[in-house]
Amino acid sequence: MTVVVIGGVIVVAAGTWTNHLTAAPEYRGGSDVLAPLPLAWALGNAARTHHVNLAAAARRADAMSRERELREQQAASRRGCGPPERRTSGRVLPHPARGACGDPARPWR
C-alpha cells in the first residue's frame, strides 16, 4: 500500500512538473487535474496482477488434468486394458469393442 501511495505521489509530481514545462499557461493543470492518475495506475496494476494470477491458475489446472489423464492411462496399461476408457457423467464405460478390460462377461464395472 505504501508503495502505491509513494508511486502515486511521484506520478502526480512528475505529471504536474511536465505539464507546467510543456503546456501553454491556459492549459496548465494542477494536482486536481492529475489526481486520478494514481488511482488509474493502481487499478491497472491490480488488473494486470489479477490477469497473471488467472493465467497461472489455468496453467495449473491444465497440468493437473494432464497428470490425472496420464495416471489413468498408466493404471489402464498396468491392468492390461489397452486404450483409456471413456467417461460419461461420472460413469466409466469400457472400450466399445470389449467388456471391462477385455472381459466379455463383465460389460459394466
PDB file of N, CA and C in Angstrom:
ATOM      1  N   MET A   1       0.826  -1.188   0.000  1.00  0.00           N
ATOM      2  CA  MET A   1       0.000   0.000   0.000  1.00  0.00           C
ATOM      3  C   MET A   1       0.866   1.245   0.000  1.00  0.00           C
ATOM      4  N   THR A   2       1.923   1.240   0.803  1.00  0.00           N
ATOM      5  CA  THR A   2       2.806   2.398   0.869  1.00  0.00           C
ATOM      6  C   THR A   2       3.476   2.639  -0.477  1.00  0.00           C
ATOM      7  N   VAL A   3       3.849   1.556  -1.156  1.00  0.00           N
ATOM      8  CA  VAL A   3       4.489   1.687  -2.465  1.00  0.00           C
ATOM      9  C   VAL A   3       3.526   2.331  -3.450  1.00  0.00           C
ATOM     10  N   VAL A   4       2.248   1.971  -3.380  1.00  0.00           N
ATOM     11  CA  VAL A   4       1.247   2.546  -4.278  1.00  0.00           C
ATOM     12  C   VAL A   4       1.095   4.035  -4.008  1.00  0.00           C
ATOM     13  N   VAL A   5       1.045   4.424  -2.734  1.00  0.00           N
ATOM     14  CA  VAL A   5       0.893   5.837  -2.383  1.00  0.00           C
ATOM     15  C   VAL A   5       2.117   6.625  -2.829  1.00  0.00           C
ATOM     16  N   ILE A   6       3.294   6.110  -2.543  1.00  0.00           N
ATOM     17  CA  ILE A   6       4.524   6.800  -2.949  1.00  0.00           C
ATOM     18  C   ILE A   6       4.604   6.875  -4.469  1.00  0.00           C
ATOM     19  N   GLY A   7       4.273   5.774  -5.144  1.00  0.00           N
ATOM     20  CA  GLY A   7       4.258   5.784  -6.606  1.00  0.00           C
ATOM     21  C   GLY A   7       3.262   6.788  -7.147  1.00  0.00           C
ATOM     22  N   GLY A   8       2.094   6.891  -6.518  1.00  0.00           N
ATOM     23  CA  GLY A   8       1.089   7.865  -6.944  1.00  0.00           C
ATOM     24  C   GLY A   8       1.569   9.289  -6.771  1.00  0.00           C
ATOM     25  N   VAL A   9       2.215   9.567  -5.652  1.00  0.00           N
ATOM     26  CA  VAL A   9       2.750  10.912  -5.413  1.00  0.00           C
ATOM     27  C   VAL A   9       3.802  11.249  -6.458  1.00  0.00           C
ATOM     28  N   ILE A  10       4.655  10.307  -6.777  1.00  0.00           N
ATOM     29  CA  ILE A  10       5.696  10.538  -7.787  1.00  0.00           C
ATOM     30  C   ILE A  10       5.070  10.785  -9.150  1.00  0.00           C
ATOM     31  N   VAL A  11       4.049  10.003  -9.508  1.00  0.00           N
ATOM     32  CA  VAL A  11       3.387  10.184 -10.806  1.00  0.00           C
ATOM     33  C   VAL A  11       2.724  11.551 -10.887  1.00  0.00           C
ATOM     34  N   VAL A  12       2.032  11.970  -9.821  1.00  0.00           N
ATOM     35  CA  VAL A  12       1.375  13.281  -9.822  1.00  0.00           C
ATOM     36  C   VAL A  12       2.410  14.392  -9.905  1.00  0.00           C
ATOM     37  N   ALA A  13       3.480  14.279  -9.140  1.00  0.00           N
ATOM     38  CA  ALA A  13       4.511  15.320  -9.166  1.00  0.00           C
ATOM     39  C   ALA A  13       5.171  15.406 -10.536  1.00  0.00           C
ATOM     40  N   ALA A  14       5.506  14.256 -11.118  1.00  0.00           N
ATOM     41  CA  ALA A  14       6.130  14.263 -12.445  1.00  0.00           C
ATOM     42  C   ALA A  14       5.158  14.790 -13.492  1.00  0.00           C
ATOM     43  N   GLY A  15       3.891  14.414 -13.404  1.00  0.00           N
ATOM     44  CA  GLY A  15       2.898  14.902 -14.357  1.00  0.00           C
ATOM     45  C   GLY A  15       2.685  16.395 -14.245  1.00  0.00           C
ATOM     46  N   THR A  16       2.605  16.905 -13.025  1.00  0.00           N
ATOM     47  CA  THR A  16       2.434  18.352 -12.826  1.00  0.00           C
ATOM     48  C   THR A  16       3.639  19.111 -13.350  1.00  0.00           C
ATOM     49  N   TRP A  17       4.824  18.626 -13.046  1.00  0.00           N
ATOM     50  CA  TRP A  17       6.042  19.298 -13.497  1.00  0.00           C
ATOM     51  C   TRP A  17       6.121  19.298 -15.025  1.00  0.00           C
ATOM     52  N   THR A  18       5.857  18.149 -15.651  1.00  0.00           N
ATOM     53  CA  THR A  18       5.880  18.057 -17.116  1.00  0.00           C
ATOM     54  C   THR A  18       4.810  18.945 -17.726  1.00  0.00           C
ATOM     55  N   ASN A  19       3.629  18.989 -17.116  1.00  0.00           N
ATOM     56  CA  ASN A  19       2.545  19.818 -17.620  1.00  0.00           C
ATOM     57  C   ASN A  19       2.933  21.292 -17.576  1.00  0.00           C
ATOM     58  N   HIS A  20       3.537  21.746 -16.488  1.00  0.00           N
ATOM     59  CA  HIS A  20       3.931  23.154 -16.371  1.00  0.00           C
ATOM     60  C   HIS A  20       5.062  23.512 -17.325  1.00  0.00           C
ATOM     61  N   LEU A  21       5.924  22.553 -17.633  1.00  0.00           N
ATOM     62  CA  LEU A  21       7.028  22.845 -18.548  1.00  0.00           C
ATOM     63  C   LEU A  21       6.587  22.865 -20.004  1.00  0.00           C
ATOM     64  N   THR A  22       5.618  22.046 -20.372  1.00  0.00           N
ATOM     65  CA  THR A  22       5.302  21.866 -21.784  1.00  0.00           C
ATOM     66  C   THR A  22       4.007  22.517 -22.238  1.00  0.00           C
ATOM     67  N   ALA A  23       3.084  22.811 -21.347  1.00  0.00           N
ATOM     68  CA  ALA A  23       1.777  23.324 -21.767  1.00  0.00           C
ATOM     69  C   ALA A  23       1.750  24.849 -21.751  1.00  0.00           C
ATOM     70  N   ALA A  24       0.861  25.391 -22.569  1.00  0.00           N
ATOM     71  CA  ALA A  24       0.624  26.835 -22.550  1.00  0.00           C
ATOM     72  C   ALA A  24      -0.041  27.192 -21.220  1.00  0.00           C
ATOM     73  N   PRO A  25       0.105  28.458 -20.772  1.00  0.00           N
ATOM     74  CA  PRO A  25      -0.427  28.829 -19.450  1.00  0.00           C
ATOM     75  C   PRO A  25      -1.920  28.540 -19.267  1.00  0.00           C
ATOM     76  N   GLU A  26      -2.725  28.691 -20.304  1.00  0.00           N
ATOM     77  CA  GLU A  26      -4.166  28.472 -20.129  1.00  0.00           C
ATOM     78  C   GLU A  26      -4.533  26.988 -20.037  1.00  0.00           C
ATOM     79  N   TYR A  27      -3.609  26.112 -20.425  1.00  0.00           N
ATOM     80  CA  TYR A  27      -3.886  24.670 -20.380  1.00  0.00           C
ATOM     81  C   TYR A  27      -3.144  23.949 -19.264  1.00  0.00           C
ATOM     82  N   ARG A  28      -2.481  24.679 -18.401  1.00  0.00           N
ATOM     83  CA  ARG A  28      -1.737  24.036 -17.322  1.00  0.00           C
ATOM     84  C   ARG A  28      -2.687  23.545 -16.244  1.00  0.00           C
ATOM     85  N   GLY A  29      -2.533  22.294 -15.887  1.00  0.00           N
ATOM     86  CA  GLY A  29      -3.371  21.732 -14.833  1.00  0.00           C
ATOM     87  C   GLY A  29      -2.567  21.542 -13.572  1.00  0.00           C
ATOM     88  N   GLY A  30      -3.246  21.560 -12.473  1.00  0.00           N
ATOM     89  CA  GLY A  30      -2.583  21.318 -11.199  1.00  0.00           C
ATOM     90  C   GLY A  30      -2.794  19.886 -10.764  1.00  0.00           C
ATOM     91  N   SER A  31      -2.608  19.657  -9.486  1.00  0.00           N
ATOM     92  CA  SER A  31      -2.766  18.302  -8.973  1.00  0.00           C
ATOM     93  C   SER A  31      -4.221  17.846  -9.025  1.00  0.00           C
ATOM     94  N   ASP A  32      -5.174  18.799  -9.091  1.00  0.00           N
ATOM     95  CA  ASP A  32      -6.578  18.400  -9.187  1.00  0.00           C
ATOM     96  C   ASP A  32      -6.872  17.717 -10.517  1.00  0.00           C
ATOM     97  N   VAL A  33      -6.154  18.123 -11.570  1.00  0.00           N
ATOM     98  CA  VAL A  33      -6.339  17.502 -12.879  1.00  0.00           C
ATOM     99  C   VAL A  33      -5.670  16.128 -12.904  1.00  0.00           C
ATOM    100  N   LEU A  34      -4.528  16.028 -12.253  1.00  0.00           N
ATOM    101  CA  LEU A  34      -3.750  14.793 -12.297  1.00  0.00           C
ATOM    102  C   LEU A  34      -4.049  13.847 -11.131  1.00  0.00           C
ATOM    103  N   ALA A  35      -4.964  14.222 -10.246  1.00  0.00           N
ATOM    104  CA  ALA A  35      -5.259  13.397  -9.073  1.00  0.00           C
ATOM    105  C   ALA A  35      -5.744  11.993  -9.423  1.00  0.00           C
ATOM    106  N   PRO A  36      -6.527  11.788 -10.497  1.00  0.00           N
ATOM    107  CA  PRO A  36      -6.961  10.416 -10.799  1.00  0.00           C
ATOM    108  C   PRO A  36      -5.843   9.486 -11.273  1.00  0.00           C
ATOM    109  N   LEU A  37      -4.681  10.012 -11.613  1.00  0.00           N
ATOM    110  CA  LEU A  37      -3.609   9.167 -12.138  1.00  0.00           C
ATOM    111  C   LEU A  37      -3.164   8.060 -11.180  1.00  0.00           C
ATOM    112  N   PRO A  38      -2.939   8.336  -9.899  1.00  0.00           N
ATOM    113  CA  PRO A  38      -2.526   7.230  -9.019  1.00  0.00           C
ATOM    114  C   PRO A  38      -3.577   6.130  -8.928  1.00  0.00           C
ATOM    115  N   LEU A  39      -4.850   6.523  -8.914  1.00  0.00           N
ATOM    116  CA  LEU A  39      -5.913   5.524  -8.864  1.00  0.00           C
ATOM    117  C   LEU A  39      -5.902   4.675 -10.131  1.00  0.00           C
ATOM    118  N   ALA A  40      -5.756   5.333 -11.276  1.00  0.00           N
ATOM    119  CA  ALA A  40      -5.707   4.589 -12.541  1.00  0.00           C
ATOM    120  C   ALA A  40      -4.487   3.672 -12.576  1.00  0.00           C
ATOM    121  N   TRP A  41      -3.373   4.158 -12.076  1.00  0.00           N
ATOM    122  CA  TRP A  41      -2.157   3.351 -12.048  1.00  0.00           C
ATOM    123  C   TRP A  41      -2.357   2.127 -11.148  1.00  0.00           C
ATOM    124  N   ALA A  42      -2.940   2.344  -9.974  1.00  0.00           N
ATOM    125  CA  ALA A  42      -3.159   1.235  -9.041  1.00  0.00           C
ATOM    126  C   ALA A  42      -4.150   0.225  -9.612  1.00  0.00           C
ATOM    127  N   LEU A  43      -5.225   0.716 -10.244  1.00  0.00           N
ATOM    128  CA  LEU A  43      -6.210  -0.199 -10.830  1.00  0.00           C
ATOM    129  C   LEU A  43      -5.613  -0.988 -11.990  1.00  0.00           C
ATOM    130  N   GLY A  44      -4.802  -0.336 -12.809  1.00  0.00           N
ATOM    131  CA  GLY A  44      -4.146  -1.044 -13.910  1.00  0.00           C
ATOM    132  C   GLY A  44      -3.205  -2.120 -13.399  1.00  0.00           C
ATOM    133  N   ASN A  45      -2.471  -1.786 -12.348  1.00  0.00           N
ATOM    134  CA  ASN A  45      -1.556  -2.757 -11.755  1.00  0.00           C
ATOM    135  C   ASN A  45      -2.337  -3.928 -11.163  1.00  0.00           C
ATOM    136  N   ALA A  46      -3.444  -3.645 -10.493  1.00  0.00           N
ATOM    137  CA  ALA A  46      -4.262  -4.716  -9.917  1.00  0.00           C
ATOM    138  C   ALA A  46      -4.856  -5.599 -11.014  1.00  0.00           C
ATOM    139  N   ALA A  47      -5.283  -4.983 -12.117  1.00  0.00           N
ATOM    140  CA  ALA A  47      -5.858  -5.765 -13.219  1.00  0.00           C
ATOM    141  C   ALA A  47      -4.807  -6.680 -13.844  1.00  0.00           C
ATOM    142  N   ARG A  48      -3.590  -6.161 -14.026  1.00  0.00           N
ATOM    143  CA  ARG A  48      -2.522  -6.996 -14.586  1.00  0.00           C
ATOM    144  C   ARG A  48      -2.193  -8.149 -13.647  1.00  0.00           C
ATOM    145  N   THR A  49      -2.118  -7.868 -12.358  1.00  0.00           N
ATOM    146  CA  THR A  49      -1.830  -8.915 -11.380  1.00  0.00           C
ATOM    147  C   THR A  49      -2.929  -9.973 -11.383  1.00  0.00           C
ATOM    148  N   HIS A  50      -4.183  -9.527 -11.450  1.00  0.00           N
ATOM    149  CA  HIS A  50      -5.310 -10.466 -11.480  1.00  0.00           C
ATOM    150  C   HIS A  50      -5.242 -11.335 -12.732  1.00  0.00           C
ATOM    151  N   HIS A  51      -4.910 -10.723 -13.865  1.00  0.00           N
ATOM    152  CA  HIS A  51      -4.803 -11.475 -15.119  1.00  0.00           C
ATOM    153  C   HIS A  51      -3.688 -12.522 -15.025  1.00  0.00           C
ATOM    154  N   VAL A  52      -2.564 -12.140 -14.461  1.00  0.00           N
ATOM    155  CA  VAL A  52      -1.440 -13.074 -14.298  1.00  0.00           C
ATOM    156  C   VAL A  52      -1.846 -14.227 -13.381  1.00  0.00           C
ATOM    157  N   ASN A  53      -2.558 -13.916 -12.292  1.00  0.00           N
ATOM    158  CA  ASN A  53      -2.997 -14.973 -11.375  1.00  0.00           C
ATOM    159  C   ASN A  53      -3.985 -15.920 -12.043  1.00  0.00           C
ATOM    160  N   LEU A  54      -4.904 -15.377 -12.854  1.00  0.00           N
ATOM    161  CA  LEU A  54      -5.856 -16.231 -13.569  1.00  0.00           C
ATOM    162  C   LEU A  54      -5.138 -17.140 -14.566  1.00  0.00           C
ATOM    163  N   ALA A  55      -4.167 -16.592 -15.286  1.00  0.00           N
ATOM    164  CA  ALA A  55      -3.420 -17.396 -16.253  1.00  0.00           C
ATOM    165  C   ALA A  55      -2.642 -18.506 -15.543  1.00  0.00           C
ATOM    166  N   ALA A  56      -2.048 -18.187 -14.398  1.00  0.00           N
ATOM    167  CA  ALA A  56      -1.305 -19.202 -13.638  1.00  0.00           C
ATOM    168  C   ALA A  56      -2.245 -20.295 -13.129  1.00  0.00           C
ATOM    169  N   ALA A  57      -3.434 -19.913 -12.681  1.00  0.00           N
ATOM    170  CA  ALA A  57      -4.404 -20.916 -12.217  1.00  0.00           C
ATOM    171  C   ALA A  57      -4.845 -21.816 -13.367  1.00  0.00           C
ATOM    172  N   ALA A  58      -5.031 -21.236 -14.552  1.00  0.00           N
ATOM    173  CA  ALA A  58      -5.420 -22.041 -15.717  1.00  0.00           C
ATOM    174  C   ALA A  58      -4.307 -23.021 -16.090  1.00  0.00           C
ATOM    175  N   ARG A  59      -3.053 -22.563 -16.025  1.00  0.00           N
ATOM    176  CA  ARG A  59      -1.932 -23.460 -16.326  1.00  0.00           C
ATOM    177  C   ARG A  59      -1.855 -24.597 -15.311  1.00  0.00           C
ATOM    178  N   ARG A  60      -2.069 -24.278 -14.026  1.00  0.00           N
ATOM    179  CA  ARG A  60      -2.048 -25.331 -13.001  1.00  0.00           C
ATOM    180  C   ARG A  60      -3.172 -26.333 -13.223  1.00  0.00           C
ATOM    181  N   ALA A  61      -4.360 -25.843 -13.587  1.00  0.00           N
ATOM    182  CA  ALA A  61      -5.489 -26.752 -13.833  1.00  0.00           C
ATOM    183  C   ALA A  61      -5.201 -27.654 -15.029  1.00  0.00           C
ATOM    184  N   ASP A  62      -4.613 -27.099 -16.096  1.00  0.00           N
ATOM    185  CA  ASP A  62      -4.256 -27.916 -17.260  1.00  0.00           C
ATOM    186  C   ASP A  62      -3.215 -28.970 -16.892  1.00  0.00           C
ATOM    187  N   ALA A  63      -2.230 -28.574 -16.102  1.00  0.00           N
ATOM    188  CA  ALA A  63      -1.189 -29.520 -15.699  1.00  0.00           C
ATOM    189  C   ALA A  63      -1.781 -30.639 -14.842  1.00  0.00           C
ATOM    190  N   MET A  64      -2.693 -30.291 -13.939  1.00  0.00           N
ATOM    191  CA  MET A  64      -3.318 -31.319 -13.103  1.00  0.00           C
ATOM    192  C   MET A  64      -4.176 -32.251 -13.946  1.00  0.00           C
ATOM    193  N   SER A  65      -4.860 -31.709 -14.946  1.00  0.00           N
ATOM    194  CA  SER A  65      -5.686 -32.536 -15.825  1.00  0.00           C
ATOM    195  C   SER A  65      -4.816 -33.508 -16.623  1.00  0.00           C
ATOM    196  N   ARG A  66      -3.699 -32.987 -17.174  1.00  0.00           N
ATOM    197  CA  ARG A  66      -2.789 -33.863 -17.918  1.00  0.00           C
ATOM    198  C   ARG A  66      -2.210 -34.938 -17.010  1.00  0.00           C
ATOM    199  N   GLU A  67      -1.856 -34.568 -15.784  1.00  0.00           N
ATOM    200  CA  GLU A  67      -1.296 -35.540 -14.841  1.00  0.00           C
ATOM    201  C   GLU A  67      -2.328 -36.612 -14.495  1.00  0.00           C
ATOM    202  N   ARG A  68      -3.589 -36.220 -14.289  1.00  0.00           N
ATOM    203  CA  ARG A  68      -4.652 -37.186 -13.986  1.00  0.00           C
ATOM    204  C   ARG A  68      -4.857 -38.140 -15.155  1.00  0.00           C
ATOM    205  N   GLU A  69      -4.890 -37.606 -16.380  1.00  0.00           N
ATOM    206  CA  GLU A  69      -5.058 -38.461 -17.556  1.00  0.00           C
ATOM    207  C   GLU A  69      -3.893 -39.434 -17.703  1.00  0.00           C
ATOM    208  N   LEU A  70      -2.679 -38.956 -17.429  1.00  0.00           N
ATOM    209  CA  LEU A  70      -1.511 -39.825 -17.509  1.00  0.00           C
ATOM    210  C   LEU A  70      -1.602 -40.948 -16.478  1.00  0.00           C
ATOM    211  N   ARG A  71      -2.008 -40.609 -15.245  1.00  0.00           N
ATOM    212  CA  ARG A  71      -2.163 -41.646 -14.216  1.00  0.00           C
ATOM    213  C   ARG A  71      -3.219 -42.666 -14.618  1.00  0.00           C
ATOM    214  N   GLU A  72      -4.328 -42.202 -15.212  1.00  0.00           N
ATOM    215  CA  GLU A  72      -5.372 -43.133 -15.654  1.00  0.00           C
ATOM    216  C   GLU A  72      -4.857 -44.043 -16.762  1.00  0.00           C
ATOM    217  N   GLN A  73      -4.090 -43.480 -17.692  1.00  0.00           N
ATOM    218  CA  GLN A  73      -3.532 -44.292 -18.777  1.00  0.00           C
ATOM    219  C   GLN A  73      -2.546 -45.314 -18.237  1.00  0.00           C
ATOM    220  N   GLN A  74      -1.718 -44.896 -17.288  1.00  0.00           N
ATOM    221  CA  GLN A  74      -0.753 -45.825 -16.707  1.00  0.00           C
ATOM    222  C   GLN A  74      -1.463 -46.938 -15.941  1.00  0.00           C
ATOM    223  N   ALA A  75      -2.521 -46.590 -15.213  1.00  0.00           N
ATOM    224  CA  ALA A  75      -3.272 -47.610 -14.477  1.00  0.00           C
ATOM    225  C   ALA A  75      -3.947 -48.570 -15.450  1.00  0.00           C
ATOM    226  N   ALA A  76      -4.475 -48.057 -16.545  1.00  0.00           N
ATOM    227  CA  ALA A  76      -5.127 -48.917 -17.536  1.00  0.00           C
ATOM    228  C   ALA A  76      -4.114 -49.845 -18.192  1.00  0.00           C
ATOM    229  N   SER A  77      -2.921 -49.343 -18.471  1.00  0.00           N
ATOM    230  CA  SER A  77      -1.917 -50.201 -19.107  1.00  0.00           C
ATOM    231  C   SER A  77      -1.410 -51.263 -18.134  1.00  0.00           C
ATOM    232  N   ARG A  78      -1.356 -50.946 -16.829  1.00  0.00           N
ATOM    233  CA  ARG A  78      -0.951 -51.952 -15.839  1.00  0.00           C
ATOM    234  C   ARG A  78      -2.008 -53.048 -15.722  1.00  0.00           C
ATOM    235  N   ARG A  79      -3.283 -52.690 -15.881  1.00  0.00           N
ATOM    236  CA  ARG A  79      -4.357 -53.687 -15.829  1.00  0.00           C
ATOM    237  C   ARG A  79      -4.459 -54.444 -17.140  1.00  0.00           C
ATOM    238  N   GLY A  80      -3.802 -53.969 -18.183  1.00  0.00           N
ATOM    239  CA  GLY A  80      -3.885 -54.604 -19.488  1.00  0.00           C
ATOM    240  C   GLY A  80      -5.166 -54.268 -20.224  1.00  0.00           C
ATOM    241  N   CYS A  81      -5.723 -53.110 -19.947  1.00  0.00           N
ATOM    242  CA  CYS A  81      -6.999 -52.739 -20.548  1.00  0.00           C
ATOM    243  C   CYS A  81      -6.845 -52.068 -21.901  1.00  0.00           C
ATOM    244  N   GLY A  82      -5.660 -51.771 -22.336  1.00  0.00           N
ATOM    245  CA  GLY A  82      -5.500 -51.124 -23.633  1.00  0.00           C
ATOM    246  C   GLY A  82      -5.728 -49.626 -23.554  1.00  0.00           C
ATOM    247  N   PRO A  83      -6.463 -49.087 -24.530  1.00  0.00           N
ATOM    248  CA  PRO A  83      -6.627 -47.633 -24.578  1.00  0.00           C
ATOM    249  C   PRO A  83      -7.435 -47.125 -23.384  1.00  0.00           C
ATOM    250  N   PRO A  84      -7.292 -45.832 -23.042  1.00  0.00           N
ATOM    251  CA  PRO A  84      -8.034 -45.292 -21.907  1.00  0.00           C
ATOM    252  C   PRO A  84      -9.537 -45.358 -22.157  1.00  0.00           C
ATOM    253  N   GLU A  85     -10.277 -45.434 -21.074  1.00  0.00           N
ATOM    254  CA  GLU A  85     -11.720 -45.579 -21.179  1.00  0.00           C
ATOM    255  C   GLU A  85     -12.397 -44.224 -21.348  1.00  0.00           C
ATOM    256  N   ARG A  86     -13.639 -44.282 -21.795  1.00  0.00           N
ATOM    257  CA  ARG A  86     -14.428 -43.067 -21.955  1.00  0.00           C
ATOM    258  C   ARG A  86     -15.187 -42.808 -20.664  1.00  0.00           C
ATOM    259  N   ARG A  87     -15.367 -41.526 -20.339  1.00  0.00           N
ATOM    260  CA  ARG A  87     -16.132 -41.163 -19.143  1.00  0.00           C
ATOM    261  C   ARG A  87     -17.384 -40.409 -19.577  1.00  0.00           C
ATOM    262  N   THR A  88     -18.522 -40.802 -19.016  1.00  0.00           N
ATOM    263  CA  THR A  88     -19.766 -40.086 -19.276  1.00  0.00           C
ATOM    264  C   THR A  88     -20.488 -39.904 -17.964  1.00  0.00           C
ATOM    265  N   SER A  89     -20.673 -38.677 -17.586  1.00  0.00           N
ATOM    266  CA  SER A  89     -21.417 -38.281 -16.378  1.00  0.00           C
ATOM    267  C   SER A  89     -21.024 -39.099 -15.148  1.00  0.00           C
ATOM    268  N   GLY A  90     -19.732 -39.251 -14.936  1.00  0.00           N
ATOM    269  CA  GLY A  90     -19.255 -39.941 -13.752  1.00  0.00           C
ATOM    270  C   GLY A  90     -19.262 -41.451 -13.848  1.00  0.00           C
ATOM    271  N   ARG A  91     -19.884 -42.008 -14.855  1.00  0.00           N
ATOM    272  CA  ARG A  91     -19.930 -43.465 -15.026  1.00  0.00           C
ATOM    273  C   ARG A  91     -18.847 -43.870 -16.013  1.00  0.00           C
ATOM    274  N   VAL A  92     -18.060 -44.844 -15.676  1.00  0.00           N
ATOM    275  CA  VAL A  92     -16.963 -45.275 -16.535  1.00  0.00           C
ATOM    276  C   VAL A  92     -17.487 -46.333 -17.488  1.00  0.00           C
ATOM    277  N   LEU A  93     -17.329 -46.079 -18.782  1.00  0.00           N
ATOM    278  CA  LEU A  93     -17.737 -47.045 -19.794  1.00  0.00           C
ATOM    279  C   LEU A  93     -16.505 -47.721 -20.359  1.00  0.00           C
ATOM    280  N   PRO A  94     -16.543 -49.021 -20.585  1.00  0.00           N
ATOM    281  CA  PRO A  94     -15.386 -49.697 -21.167  1.00  0.00           C
ATOM    282  C   PRO A  94     -15.250 -49.340 -22.640  1.00  0.00           C
ATOM    283  N   HIS A  95     -14.149 -49.754 -23.201  1.00  0.00           N
ATOM    284  CA  HIS A  95     -13.935 -49.562 -24.628  1.00  0.00           C
ATOM    285  C   HIS A  95     -15.092 -50.224 -25.371  1.00  0.00           C
ATOM    286  N   PRO A  96     -15.638 -49.620 -26.450  1.00  0.00           N
ATOM    287  CA  PRO A  96     -16.837 -50.162 -27.084  1.00  0.00           C
ATOM    288  C   PRO A  96     -16.667 -51.563 -27.652  1.00  0.00           C
ATOM    289  N   ALA A  97     -15.467 -51.971 -28.031  1.00  0.00           N
ATOM    290  CA  ALA A  97     -15.281 -53.280 -28.658  1.00  0.00           C
ATOM    291  C   ALA A  97     -15.154 -54.397 -27.632  1.00  0.00           C
ATOM    292  N   ARG A  98     -14.977 -54.066 -26.349  1.00  0.00           N
ATOM    293  CA  ARG A  98     -14.746 -55.095 -25.337  1.00  0.00           C
ATOM    294  C   ARG A  98     -15.577 -54.801 -24.103  1.00  0.00           C
ATOM    295  N   GLY A  99     -15.577 -55.752 -23.216  1.00  0.00           N
ATOM    296  CA  GLY A  99     -16.117 -55.510 -21.887  1.00  0.00           C
ATOM    297  C   GLY A  99     -15.042 -54.822 -21.062  1.00  0.00           C
ATOM    298  N   ALA A 100     -15.214 -54.800 -19.760  1.00  0.00           N
ATOM    299  CA  ALA A 100     -14.224 -54.177 -18.896  1.00  0.00           C
ATOM    300  C   ALA A 100     -12.925 -54.965 -18.974  1.00  0.00           C
ATOM    301  N   CYS A 101     -11.862 -54.351 -19.399  1.00  0.00           N
ATOM    302  CA  CYS A 101     -10.537 -54.959 -19.538  1.00  0.00           C
ATOM    303  C   CYS A 101     -10.577 -56.194 -20.427  1.00  0.00           C
ATOM    304  N   GLY A 102     -11.415 -56.199 -21.440  1.00  0.00           N
ATOM    305  CA  GLY A 102     -11.460 -57.298 -22.379  1.00  0.00           C
ATOM    306  C   GLY A 102     -12.284 -58.482 -21.928  1.00  0.00           C
ATOM    307  N   ASP A 103     -12.935 -58.387 -20.783  1.00  0.00           N
ATOM    308  CA  ASP A 103     -13.718 -59.497 -20.259  1.00  0.00           C
ATOM    309  C   ASP A 103     -15.165 -59.363 -20.751  1.00  0.00           C
ATOM    310  N   PRO A 104     -15.624 -60.224 -21.683  1.00  0.00           N
ATOM    311  CA  PRO A 104     -16.990 -60.090 -22.191  1.00  0.00           C
ATOM    312  C   PRO A 104     -18.045 -60.412 -21.147  1.00  0.00           C
ATOM    313  N   ALA A 105     -17.676 -61.109 -20.072  1.00  0.00           N
ATOM    314  CA  ALA A 105     -18.650 -61.445 -19.035  1.00  0.00           C
ATOM    315  C   ALA A 105     -18.960 -60.242 -18.146  1.00  0.00           C
ATOM    316  N   ARG A 106     -18.102 -59.221 -18.162  1.00  0.00           N
ATOM    317  CA  ARG A 106     -18.314 -58.029 -17.332  1.00  0.00           C
ATOM    318  C   ARG A 106     -18.467 -56.807 -18.229  1.00  0.00           C
ATOM    319  N   PRO A 107     -19.638 -56.585 -18.831  1.00  0.00           N
ATOM    320  CA  PRO A 107     -19.769 -55.442 -19.730  1.00  0.00           C
ATOM    321  C   PRO A 107     -19.712 -54.102 -19.007  1.00  0.00           C
ATOM    322  N   TRP A 108     -20.099 -54.074 -17.735  1.00  0.00           N
ATOM    323  CA  TRP A 108     -20.026 -52.830 -16.965  1.00  0.00           C
ATOM    324  C   TRP A 108     -19.181 -53.060 -15.738  1.00  0.00           C
ATOM    325  N   ARG A 109     -18.587 -52.024 -15.227  1.00  0.00           N
ATOM    326  CA  ARG A 109     -17.807 -52.129 -13.990  1.00  0.00           C
ATOM    327  C   ARG A 109     -18.707 -52.044 -12.814  1.00  0.00           C
TER     328      ARG A 109
END
